[in-house]
Amino acid sequence: MKIAIIIPAYNEDEHIKSCLTSLFNQSYQASEILVVDDGSTDNTKSIVEFLCQTNNHLNLVSKDESHSHQPGSKIVDAFNYGLKHLNSEFDILCKFDADLIFPDDYLESLVQAFSENSNLGLYGGFCTILKEDAWIIEQLTNADHLRGALKAYRKQCFTDIGGLIPAMGWDTIDEMKARFRGWEVQTDSSLLVKHLKPTGQNYKKDLPALFGISLFRMRYSYALALLTCIKMAKNKADFGFFMKAMRAFVNAPKDLKQNTFLVTKEEGAFIRSYRWSKIKKRLL
């Protein structure tokens, strides 16, 4: 199976070489690794240009820095730009972050999983962070959620879901759309990737409001949004997050002028049903 990897990168000169080196050293090689330099102001571009000289399957494209700096929009815009510039055909499409170090068998494991299960649409491992001299799983989401940093799609699944939406919540919407269309989404706790820049370091102060709005745009019910915001606030140990997120959710109908929903009514109903089934399962 042919693997194409797109890596959006903005000011990642501290990590990009380590990330790419770990991909060069894979037991199963990607057909193409495409780095999208999203208007970096550091040495990211020059580092990748240098590595391109000795790695034929590594390519670089540059774009002006995204106007949007909202969570989700910037990185998906860069990914979609890269998608238009891929030189090779692929069976598996990966969207990887530039601050990751992959184990040597990561791509081989992807190929094995997709080959063994023809209904598998999305697959990947878990991010780990360094804490007190040990790499531990970065527990920000449920175990059945494939982190946005590690997305790997079967080509037909990616086509079926219509690609990625440049908005906060994109890495939940892609999975829900895949499940809605009958594809399986799997995570593998034995595939551990080192995350060099833990999530949340650069989050903005308006994140709670954006989170609340994203839940509305995914057609969450009030009760489901309430539970989701409580859980997120608990994970962040920040009650203020809950208050701001729920206020944004409640006010979203009158605050949003256009492009209100990110999913169809049918997809929204599926998302609510899926979320409630998971909540009931945990409670029981």
C-alpha atoms as a PDB file:
ATOM      1  CA  MET A   1       0.000   0.000   0.000  1.00  0.00           C
ATOM      2  CA  LYS A   2       1.252   3.460  -0.883  1.00  0.00           C
ATOM      3  CA  ILE A   3       1.417   6.034   1.902  1.00  0.00           C
ATOM      4  CA  ALA A   4       1.382   9.802   1.399  1.00  0.00           C
ATOM      5  CA  ILE A   5       2.135  12.022   4.394  1.00  0.00           C
ATOM      6  CA  ILE A   6       1.319  15.724   4.642  1.00  0.00           C
ATOM      7  CA  ILE A   7       2.943  17.692   7.467  1.00  0.00           C
ATOM      8  CA  PRO A   8       1.757  21.283   8.000  1.00  0.00           C
ATOM      9  CA  ALA A   9       4.551  23.258   9.664  1.00  0.00           C
ATOM     10  CA  TYR A  10       4.699  26.744  11.127  1.00  0.00           C
ATOM     11  CA  ASN A  11       7.855  27.780  13.013  1.00  0.00           C
ATOM     12  CA  GLU A  12       8.884  24.209  13.820  1.00  0.00           C
ATOM     13  CA  ASP A  13      12.670  24.493  13.398  1.00  0.00           C
ATOM     14  CA  GLU A  14      13.225  22.950  16.844  1.00  0.00           C
ATOM     15  CA  HIS A  15      11.358  19.756  15.949  1.00  0.00           C
ATOM     16  CA  ILE A  16      10.986  19.256  12.198  1.00  0.00           C
ATOM     17  CA  LYS A  17      14.325  17.515  11.643  1.00  0.00           C
ATOM     18  CA  SER A  18      13.669  14.984  14.421  1.00  0.00           C
ATOM     19  CA  CYS A  19      10.176  14.341  13.075  1.00  0.00           C
ATOM     20  CA  LEU A  20      11.333  13.782   9.505  1.00  0.00           C
ATOM     21  CA  THR A  21      14.300  11.660  10.553  1.00  0.00           C
ATOM     22  CA  SER A  22      11.956   9.326  12.420  1.00  0.00           C
ATOM     23  CA  LEU A  23       9.900   8.979   9.220  1.00  0.00           C
ATOM     24  CA  PHE A  24      13.001   8.382   7.073  1.00  0.00           C
ATOM     25  CA  ASN A  25      13.964   5.530   9.423  1.00  0.00           C
ATOM     26  CA  GLN A  26      10.680   3.642   9.079  1.00  0.00           C
ATOM     27  CA  SER A  27      10.726  -0.080   8.324  1.00  0.00           C
ATOM     28  CA  TYR A  28       8.039   0.664   5.696  1.00  0.00           C
ATOM     29  CA  GLN A  29       8.744   3.762   3.628  1.00  0.00           C
ATOM     30  CA  ALA A  30       6.185   6.348   2.593  1.00  0.00           C
ATOM     31  CA  SER A  31       5.845   7.044  -1.129  1.00  0.00           C
ATOM     32  CA  GLU A  32       5.868  10.772  -0.417  1.00  0.00           C
ATOM     33  CA  ILE A  33       6.347  13.049   2.557  1.00  0.00           C
ATOM     34  CA  LEU A  34       5.176  16.590   1.830  1.00  0.00           C
ATOM     35  CA  VAL A  35       5.951  19.401   4.254  1.00  0.00           C
ATOM     36  CA  VAL A  36       3.784  22.495   3.900  1.00  0.00           C
ATOM     37  CA  ASP A  37       5.636  25.516   5.219  1.00  0.00           C
ATOM     38  CA  ASP A  38       2.831  27.800   6.375  1.00  0.00           C
ATOM     39  CA  GLY A  39       4.718  31.102   6.244  1.00  0.00           C
ATOM     40  CA  SER A  40       7.289  30.243   8.915  1.00  0.00           C
ATOM     41  CA  THR A  41       9.498  33.081  10.159  1.00  0.00           C
ATOM     42  CA  ASP A  42      12.197  30.793  11.605  1.00  0.00           C
ATOM     43  CA  ASN A  43      14.467  28.219   9.912  1.00  0.00           C
ATOM     44  CA  THR A  44      11.800  25.582   9.236  1.00  0.00           C
ATOM     45  CA  LYS A  45      11.891  26.043   5.476  1.00  0.00           C
ATOM     46  CA  SER A  46      15.694  25.971   5.164  1.00  0.00           C
ATOM     47  CA  ILE A  47      15.950  22.821   7.303  1.00  0.00           C
ATOM     48  CA  VAL A  48      13.446  20.978   5.107  1.00  0.00           C
ATOM     49  CA  GLU A  49      15.123  22.248   1.923  1.00  0.00           C
ATOM     50  CA  PHE A  50      18.414  20.811   3.152  1.00  0.00           C
ATOM     51  CA  LEU A  51      16.844  17.438   3.966  1.00  0.00           C
ATOM     52  CA  CYS A  52      15.185  17.336   0.535  1.00  0.00           C
ATOM     53  CA  GLN A  53      18.648  17.175  -1.058  1.00  0.00           C
ATOM     54  CA  THR A  54      19.272  13.678   0.302  1.00  0.00           C
ATOM     55  CA  ASN A  55      15.716  12.300   0.514  1.00  0.00           C
ATOM     56  CA  ASN A  56      13.995  11.786  -2.820  1.00  0.00           C
ATOM     57  CA  HIS A  57      10.579  11.090  -1.324  1.00  0.00           C
ATOM     58  CA  LEU A  58      10.572  14.325   0.701  1.00  0.00           C
ATOM     59  CA  ASN A  59       9.047  17.417  -0.889  1.00  0.00           C
ATOM     60  CA  LEU A  60       8.369  20.945   0.287  1.00  0.00           C
ATOM     61  CA  VAL A  61       5.753  23.492  -0.706  1.00  0.00           C
ATOM     62  CA  SER A  62       5.401  26.959   0.747  1.00  0.00           C
ATOM     63  CA  LYS A  63       2.340  29.093   1.185  1.00  0.00           C
ATOM     64  CA  ASP A  64       1.712  32.484   2.667  1.00  0.00           C
ATOM     65  CA  GLU A  65       0.899  32.283   6.343  1.00  0.00           C
ATOM     66  CA  SER A  66      -2.754  31.496   6.914  1.00  0.00           C
ATOM     67  CA  HIS A  67      -4.836  34.555   7.743  1.00  0.00           C
ATOM     68  CA  SER A  68      -6.783  32.544  10.281  1.00  0.00           C
ATOM     69  CA  HIS A  69      -5.023  31.633  13.515  1.00  0.00           C
ATOM     70  CA  GLN A  70      -8.063  29.962  15.000  1.00  0.00           C
ATOM     71  CA  PRO A  71      -7.539  26.425  16.328  1.00  0.00           C
ATOM     72  CA  GLY A  72      -8.238  23.964  13.530  1.00  0.00           C
ATOM     73  CA  SER A  73      -8.509  26.422  10.648  1.00  0.00           C
ATOM     74  CA  LYS A  74      -4.825  27.194  10.208  1.00  0.00           C
ATOM     75  CA  ILE A  75      -3.510  23.656  10.218  1.00  0.00           C
ATOM     76  CA  VAL A  76      -6.300  22.249   8.013  1.00  0.00           C
ATOM     77  CA  ASP A  77      -5.870  25.097   5.528  1.00  0.00           C
ATOM     78  CA  ALA A  78      -2.189  24.160   5.256  1.00  0.00           C
ATOM     79  CA  PHE A  79      -3.035  20.465   4.928  1.00  0.00           C
ATOM     80  CA  ASN A  80      -5.569  21.125   2.175  1.00  0.00           C
ATOM     81  CA  TYR A  81      -3.015  23.253   0.355  1.00  0.00           C
ATOM     82  CA  GLY A  82      -0.569  20.365   0.515  1.00  0.00           C
ATOM     83  CA  LEU A  83      -3.206  17.924  -0.716  1.00  0.00           C
ATOM     84  CA  LYS A  84      -3.368  19.847  -3.990  1.00  0.00           C
ATOM     85  CA  HIS A  85       0.405  19.515  -4.426  1.00  0.00           C
ATOM     86  CA  LEU A  86       0.931  15.792  -3.787  1.00  0.00           C
ATOM     87  CA  ASN A  87       2.990  14.224  -6.568  1.00  0.00           C
ATOM     88  CA  SER A  88       2.161  10.587  -5.890  1.00  0.00           C
ATOM     89  CA  GLU A  89      -0.894   8.363  -5.730  1.00  0.00           C
ATOM     90  CA  PHE A  90      -1.745   6.887  -2.343  1.00  0.00           C
ATOM     91  CA  ASP A  91      -3.801   4.214  -0.620  1.00  0.00           C
ATOM     92  CA  ILE A  92      -3.296   5.729   2.837  1.00  0.00           C
ATOM     93  CA  LEU A  93      -3.233   9.467   3.490  1.00  0.00           C
ATOM     94  CA  CYS A  94      -1.640  10.746   6.703  1.00  0.00           C
ATOM     95  CA  LYS A  95      -1.885  14.156   8.327  1.00  0.00           C
ATOM     96  CA  PHE A  96       0.935  14.352  10.858  1.00  0.00           C
ATOM     97  CA  ASP A  97       2.087  17.216  13.061  1.00  0.00           C
ATOM     98  CA  ALA A  98       5.658  18.457  12.770  1.00  0.00           C
ATOM     99  CA  ASP A  99       6.546  17.981  16.451  1.00  0.00           C
ATOM    100  CA  LEU A 100       6.271  14.183  16.625  1.00  0.00           C
ATOM    101  CA  ILE A 101       8.829  11.372  16.762  1.00  0.00           C
ATOM    102  CA  PHE A 102       7.526   8.071  15.402  1.00  0.00           C
ATOM    103  CA  PRO A 103       8.630   4.559  16.367  1.00  0.00           C
ATOM    104  CA  ASP A 104      10.388   2.758  13.502  1.00  0.00           C
ATOM    105  CA  ASP A 105       7.460   0.411  12.827  1.00  0.00           C
ATOM    106  CA  TYR A 106       4.689   3.028  12.824  1.00  0.00           C
ATOM    107  CA  LEU A 107       4.002   3.065   9.072  1.00  0.00           C
ATOM    108  CA  GLU A 108       4.379  -0.701   8.869  1.00  0.00           C
ATOM    109  CA  SER A 109       1.702  -1.012  11.548  1.00  0.00           C
ATOM    110  CA  LEU A 110      -0.602   1.289   9.561  1.00  0.00           C
ATOM    111  CA  VAL A 111      -0.245  -0.840   6.441  1.00  0.00           C
ATOM    112  CA  GLN A 112      -0.852  -4.054   8.370  1.00  0.00           C
ATOM    113  CA  ALA A 113      -4.016  -2.699  10.010  1.00  0.00           C
ATOM    114  CA  PHE A 114      -5.513  -1.323   6.793  1.00  0.00           C
ATOM    115  CA  SER A 115      -4.594  -4.485   4.874  1.00  0.00           C
ATOM    116  CA  GLU A 116      -6.213  -6.812   7.406  1.00  0.00           C
ATOM    117  CA  ASN A 117      -9.485  -4.883   7.704  1.00  0.00           C
ATOM    118  CA  SER A 118     -11.031  -3.582   4.485  1.00  0.00           C
ATOM    119  CA  ASN A 119     -13.638  -1.651   6.499  1.00  0.00           C
ATOM    120  CA  LEU A 120     -11.044   0.297   8.466  1.00  0.00           C
ATOM    121  CA  GLY A 121     -11.291   3.974   7.546  1.00  0.00           C
ATOM    122  CA  LEU A 122      -9.116   5.729  10.144  1.00  0.00           C
ATOM    123  CA  TYR A 123      -6.338   4.303  12.274  1.00  0.00           C
ATOM    124  CA  GLY A 124      -3.451   5.423  14.476  1.00  0.00           C
ATOM    125  CA  GLY A 125      -1.661   5.402  17.794  1.00  0.00           C
ATOM    126  CA  PHE A 126      -1.363   7.696  20.794  1.00  0.00           C
ATOM    127  CA  CYS A 127       0.709  10.757  21.618  1.00  0.00           C
ATOM    128  CA  THR A 128       2.994  10.597  24.647  1.00  0.00           C
ATOM    129  CA  ILE A 129       4.565  13.487  26.529  1.00  0.00           C
ATOM    130  CA  LEU A 130       7.693  13.621  28.662  1.00  0.00           C
ATOM    131  CA  LYS A 131       6.869  13.908  32.355  1.00  0.00           C
ATOM    132  CA  GLU A 132       9.352  13.305  35.154  1.00  0.00           C
ATOM    133  CA  ASP A 133      11.796  11.476  32.848  1.00  0.00           C
ATOM    134  CA  ALA A 134       9.107   9.139  31.469  1.00  0.00           C
ATOM    135  CA  TRP A 135       6.999   9.208  28.318  1.00  0.00           C
ATOM    136  CA  ILE A 136       3.333   8.876  29.298  1.00  0.00           C
ATOM    137  CA  ILE A 137       0.181   8.940  27.170  1.00  0.00           C
ATOM    138  CA  GLU A 138      -1.188  12.455  26.740  1.00  0.00           C
ATOM    139  CA  GLN A 139      -4.680  11.833  28.073  1.00  0.00           C
ATOM    140  CA  LEU A 140      -6.765  14.632  26.595  1.00  0.00           C
ATOM    141  CA  THR A 141      -9.480  12.640  24.874  1.00  0.00           C
ATOM    142  CA  ASN A 142     -11.328   9.330  24.973  1.00  0.00           C
ATOM    143  CA  ALA A 143      -9.386   6.233  23.983  1.00  0.00           C
ATOM    144  CA  ASP A 144     -11.493   5.752  20.846  1.00  0.00           C
ATOM    145  CA  HIS A 145     -10.556   9.184  19.480  1.00  0.00           C
ATOM    146  CA  LEU A 146      -7.702   9.447  17.000  1.00  0.00           C
ATOM    147  CA  ARG A 147      -5.792  12.637  17.740  1.00  0.00           C
ATOM    148  CA  GLY A 148      -5.559  15.276  15.029  1.00  0.00           C
ATOM    149  CA  ALA A 149      -1.779  15.044  15.170  1.00  0.00           C
ATOM    150  CA  LEU A 150      -1.829  11.413  14.013  1.00  0.00           C
ATOM    151  CA  LYS A 151      -4.553  11.040  11.428  1.00  0.00           C
ATOM    152  CA  ALA A 152      -4.281   8.213   8.873  1.00  0.00           C
ATOM    153  CA  TYR A 153      -7.109   7.689   6.357  1.00  0.00           C
ATOM    154  CA  ARG A 154      -7.901   5.007   3.825  1.00  0.00           C
ATOM    155  CA  LYS A 155      -8.252   6.883   0.534  1.00  0.00           C
ATOM    156  CA  GLN A 156     -11.864   5.856  -0.075  1.00  0.00           C
ATOM    157  CA  CYS A 157     -12.862   6.864   3.450  1.00  0.00           C
ATOM    158  CA  PHE A 158     -11.197  10.257   3.034  1.00  0.00           C
ATOM    159  CA  THR A 159     -13.140  10.731  -0.198  1.00  0.00           C
ATOM    160  CA  ASP A 160     -16.408   9.615   1.381  1.00  0.00           C
ATOM    161  CA  ILE A 161     -16.199  12.153   4.207  1.00  0.00           C
ATOM    162  CA  GLY A 162     -15.418  14.964   1.777  1.00  0.00           C
ATOM    163  CA  GLY A 163     -11.962  15.738   3.166  1.00  0.00           C
ATOM    164  CA  LEU A 164     -11.213  17.912   6.178  1.00  0.00           C
ATOM    165  CA  ILE A 165     -13.159  20.975   7.312  1.00  0.00           C
ATOM    166  CA  PRO A 166     -11.018  24.002   8.319  1.00  0.00           C
ATOM    167  CA  ALA A 167     -12.751  24.650  11.628  1.00  0.00           C
ATOM    168  CA  MET A 168     -12.325  23.786  15.271  1.00  0.00           C
ATOM    169  CA  GLY A 169     -13.658  20.270  15.815  1.00  0.00           C
ATOM    170  CA  TRP A 170     -12.443  18.987  12.430  1.00  0.00           C
ATOM    171  CA  ASP A 171     -10.707  16.015  14.060  1.00  0.00           C
ATOM    172  CA  THR A 172     -13.973  14.891  15.629  1.00  0.00           C
ATOM    173  CA  ILE A 173     -16.123  15.591  12.594  1.00  0.00           C
ATOM    174  CA  ASP A 174     -13.947  13.449  10.305  1.00  0.00           C
ATOM    175  CA  GLU A 175     -14.346  10.425  12.582  1.00  0.00           C
ATOM    176  CA  MET A 176     -18.084  10.907  13.040  1.00  0.00           C
ATOM    177  CA  LYS A 177     -18.646  11.305   9.313  1.00  0.00           C
ATOM    178  CA  ALA A 178     -16.628   8.143   8.725  1.00  0.00           C
ATOM    179  CA  ARG A 179     -18.643   6.167  11.277  1.00  0.00           C
ATOM    180  CA  PHE A 180     -21.883   7.592   9.866  1.00  0.00           C
ATOM    181  CA  ARG A 181     -20.884   6.171   6.481  1.00  0.00           C
ATOM    182  CA  GLY A 182     -20.077   2.748   7.878  1.00  0.00           C
ATOM    183  CA  TRP A 183     -16.300   3.009   8.264  1.00  0.00           C
ATOM    184  CA  GLU A 184     -14.470   1.831  11.376  1.00  0.00           C
ATOM    185  CA  VAL A 185     -12.211   4.101  13.405  1.00  0.00           C
ATOM    186  CA  GLN A 186      -9.551   2.394  15.519  1.00  0.00           C
ATOM    187  CA  THR A 187      -6.777   3.465  17.846  1.00  0.00           C
ATOM    188  CA  ASP A 188      -3.867   1.289  18.932  1.00  0.00           C
ATOM    189  CA  SER A 189      -2.476   1.801  22.438  1.00  0.00           C
ATOM    190  CA  SER A 190       0.693  -0.095  21.508  1.00  0.00           C
ATOM    191  CA  LEU A 191       1.640   2.560  18.938  1.00  0.00           C
ATOM    192  CA  LEU A 192       3.188   5.316  21.012  1.00  0.00           C
ATOM    193  CA  VAL A 193       4.480   8.512  19.411  1.00  0.00           C
ATOM    194  CA  LYS A 194       6.569  11.111  21.230  1.00  0.00           C
ATOM    195  CA  HIS A 195       4.908  14.530  21.250  1.00  0.00           C
ATOM    196  CA  LEU A 196       7.653  17.118  21.668  1.00  0.00           C
ATOM    197  CA  LYS A 197       5.376  20.118  22.144  1.00  0.00           C
ATOM    198  CA  PRO A 198       2.462  19.098  24.382  1.00  0.00           C
ATOM    199  CA  THR A 199      -0.996  20.233  23.354  1.00  0.00           C
ATOM    200  CA  GLY A 200      -2.162  23.472  24.923  1.00  0.00           C
ATOM    201  CA  GLN A 201       1.091  25.409  25.051  1.00  0.00           C
ATOM    202  CA  ASN A 202      -0.123  27.921  22.483  1.00  0.00           C
ATOM    203  CA  TYR A 203      -3.874  27.885  23.113  1.00  0.00           C
ATOM    204  CA  LYS A 204      -5.547  31.252  23.028  1.00  0.00           C
ATOM    205  CA  LYS A 205      -7.648  32.899  25.695  1.00  0.00           C
ATOM    206  CA  ASP A 206     -10.715  32.641  23.456  1.00  0.00           C
ATOM    207  CA  LEU A 207     -10.460  28.834  23.249  1.00  0.00           C
ATOM    208  CA  PRO A 208     -13.407  28.167  25.632  1.00  0.00           C
ATOM    209  CA  ALA A 209     -15.735  30.283  23.492  1.00  0.00           C
ATOM    210  CA  LEU A 210     -14.520  28.645  20.293  1.00  0.00           C
ATOM    211  CA  PHE A 211     -15.043  25.237  21.897  1.00  0.00           C
ATOM    212  CA  GLY A 212     -18.633  26.069  22.840  1.00  0.00           C
ATOM    213  CA  ILE A 213     -19.377  27.367  19.350  1.00  0.00           C
ATOM    214  CA  SER A 214     -17.880  24.239  17.785  1.00  0.00           C
ATOM    215  CA  LEU A 215     -20.249  22.041  19.804  1.00  0.00           C
ATOM    216  CA  PHE A 216     -23.195  24.047  18.512  1.00  0.00           C
ATOM    217  CA  ARG A 217     -21.926  23.765  14.936  1.00  0.00           C
ATOM    218  CA  MET A 218     -21.731  19.978  15.385  1.00  0.00           C
ATOM    219  CA  ARG A 219     -25.406  20.026  16.427  1.00  0.00           C
ATOM    220  CA  TYR A 220     -24.888  18.963  20.060  1.00  0.00           C
ATOM    221  CA  SER A 221     -27.953  19.118  22.268  1.00  0.00           C
ATOM    222  CA  TYR A 222     -27.909  21.392  25.323  1.00  0.00           C
ATOM    223  CA  ALA A 223     -27.562  18.449  27.718  1.00  0.00           C
ATOM    224  CA  LEU A 224     -24.770  16.863  25.700  1.00  0.00           C
ATOM    225  CA  ALA A 225     -22.912  20.155  25.424  1.00  0.00           C
ATOM    226  CA  LEU A 226     -23.271  20.639  29.167  1.00  0.00           C
ATOM    227  CA  LEU A 227     -21.676  17.282  29.954  1.00  0.00           C
ATOM    228  CA  THR A 228     -18.950  17.808  27.351  1.00  0.00           C
ATOM    229  CA  CYS A 229     -18.006  21.237  28.711  1.00  0.00           C
ATOM    230  CA  ILE A 230     -17.968  19.902  32.277  1.00  0.00           C
ATOM    231  CA  LYS A 231     -15.612  17.120  31.230  1.00  0.00           C
ATOM    232  CA  MET A 232     -13.310  19.513  29.369  1.00  0.00           C
ATOM    233  CA  ALA A 233     -13.241  21.951  32.303  1.00  0.00           C
ATOM    234  CA  LYS A 234     -12.427  19.086  34.648  1.00  0.00           C
ATOM    235  CA  ASN A 235      -9.538  17.947  32.429  1.00  0.00           C
ATOM    236  CA  LYS A 236      -8.181  21.480  32.400  1.00  0.00           C
ATOM    237  CA  ALA A 237      -8.938  22.080  36.106  1.00  0.00           C
ATOM    238  CA  ASP A 238     -10.586  25.335  35.041  1.00  0.00           C
ATOM    239  CA  PHE A 239     -14.206  26.015  36.002  1.00  0.00           C
ATOM    240  CA  GLY A 240     -14.029  29.269  34.069  1.00  0.00           C
ATOM    241  CA  PHE A 241     -13.595  27.221  30.892  1.00  0.00           C
ATOM    242  CA  PHE A 242     -16.974  25.601  31.527  1.00  0.00           C
ATOM    243  CA  MET A 243     -18.754  28.918  32.049  1.00  0.00           C
ATOM    244  CA  LYS A 244     -17.276  30.564  28.938  1.00  0.00           C
ATOM    245  CA  ALA A 245     -17.832  27.535  26.719  1.00  0.00           C
ATOM    246  CA  MET A 246     -21.472  27.075  27.734  1.00  0.00           C
ATOM    247  CA  ARG A 247     -22.166  30.792  27.356  1.00  0.00           C
ATOM    248  CA  ALA A 248     -20.795  30.631  23.820  1.00  0.00           C
ATOM    249  CA  PHE A 249     -22.867  27.520  23.057  1.00  0.00           C
ATOM    250  CA  VAL A 250     -26.091  29.140  24.248  1.00  0.00           C
ATOM    251  CA  ASN A 251     -25.388  32.407  22.403  1.00  0.00           C
ATOM    252  CA  ALA A 252     -24.181  30.752  19.190  1.00  0.00           C
ATOM    253  CA  PRO A 253     -27.561  30.847  17.341  1.00  0.00           C
ATOM    254  CA  LYS A 254     -27.675  34.631  17.400  1.00  0.00           C
ATOM    255  CA  ASP A 255     -23.905  35.242  17.213  1.00  0.00           C
ATOM    256  CA  LEU A 256     -23.264  33.181  14.076  1.00  0.00           C
ATOM    257  CA  LYS A 257     -24.195  34.970  10.861  1.00  0.00           C
ATOM    258  CA  GLN A 258     -23.377  32.295   8.270  1.00  0.00           C
ATOM    259  CA  ASN A 259     -21.926  28.813   7.805  1.00  0.00           C
ATOM    260  CA  THR A 260     -23.690  27.835  11.010  1.00  0.00           C
ATOM    261  CA  PHE A 261     -23.453  24.047  10.968  1.00  0.00           C
ATOM    262  CA  LEU A 262     -20.511  21.834  10.033  1.00  0.00           C
ATOM    263  CA  VAL A 263     -22.570  18.635   9.680  1.00  0.00           C
ATOM    264  CA  THR A 264     -25.914  17.720   8.165  1.00  0.00           C
ATOM    265  CA  LYS A 265     -29.004  17.075  10.272  1.00  0.00           C
ATOM    266  CA  GLU A 266     -28.566  13.336   9.770  1.00  0.00           C
ATOM    267  CA  GLU A 267     -24.898  13.482  10.747  1.00  0.00           C
ATOM    268  CA  GLY A 268     -25.788  15.601  13.776  1.00  0.00           C
ATOM    269  CA  ALA A 269     -28.362  13.034  14.910  1.00  0.00           C
ATOM    270  CA  PHE A 270     -25.758  10.295  14.516  1.00  0.00           C
ATOM    271  CA  ILE A 271     -23.189  12.256  16.535  1.00  0.00           C
ATOM    272  CA  ARG A 272     -25.630  12.801  19.397  1.00  0.00           C
ATOM    273  CA  SER A 273     -26.651   9.141  19.390  1.00  0.00           C
ATOM    274  CA  TYR A 274     -23.043   7.983  19.329  1.00  0.00           C
ATOM    275  CA  ARG A 275     -22.029  10.318  22.169  1.00  0.00           C
ATOM    276  CA  TRP A 276     -24.943   9.267  24.364  1.00  0.00           C
ATOM    277  CA  SER A 277     -24.206   5.590  23.773  1.00  0.00           C
ATOM    278  CA  LYS A 278     -20.627   6.125  24.943  1.00  0.00           C
ATOM    279  CA  ILE A 279     -21.777   8.045  28.024  1.00  0.00           C
ATOM    280  CA  LYS A 280     -24.251   5.298  28.967  1.00  0.00           C
ATOM    281  CA  LYS A 281     -21.591   2.644  28.435  1.00  0.00           C
ATOM    282  CA  ARG A 282     -19.181   4.411  30.805  1.00  0.00           C
ATOM    283  CA  LEU A 283     -21.891   4.882  33.439  1.00  0.00           C
ATOM    284  CA  LEU A 284     -22.947   1.232  33.301  1.00  0.00           C
END
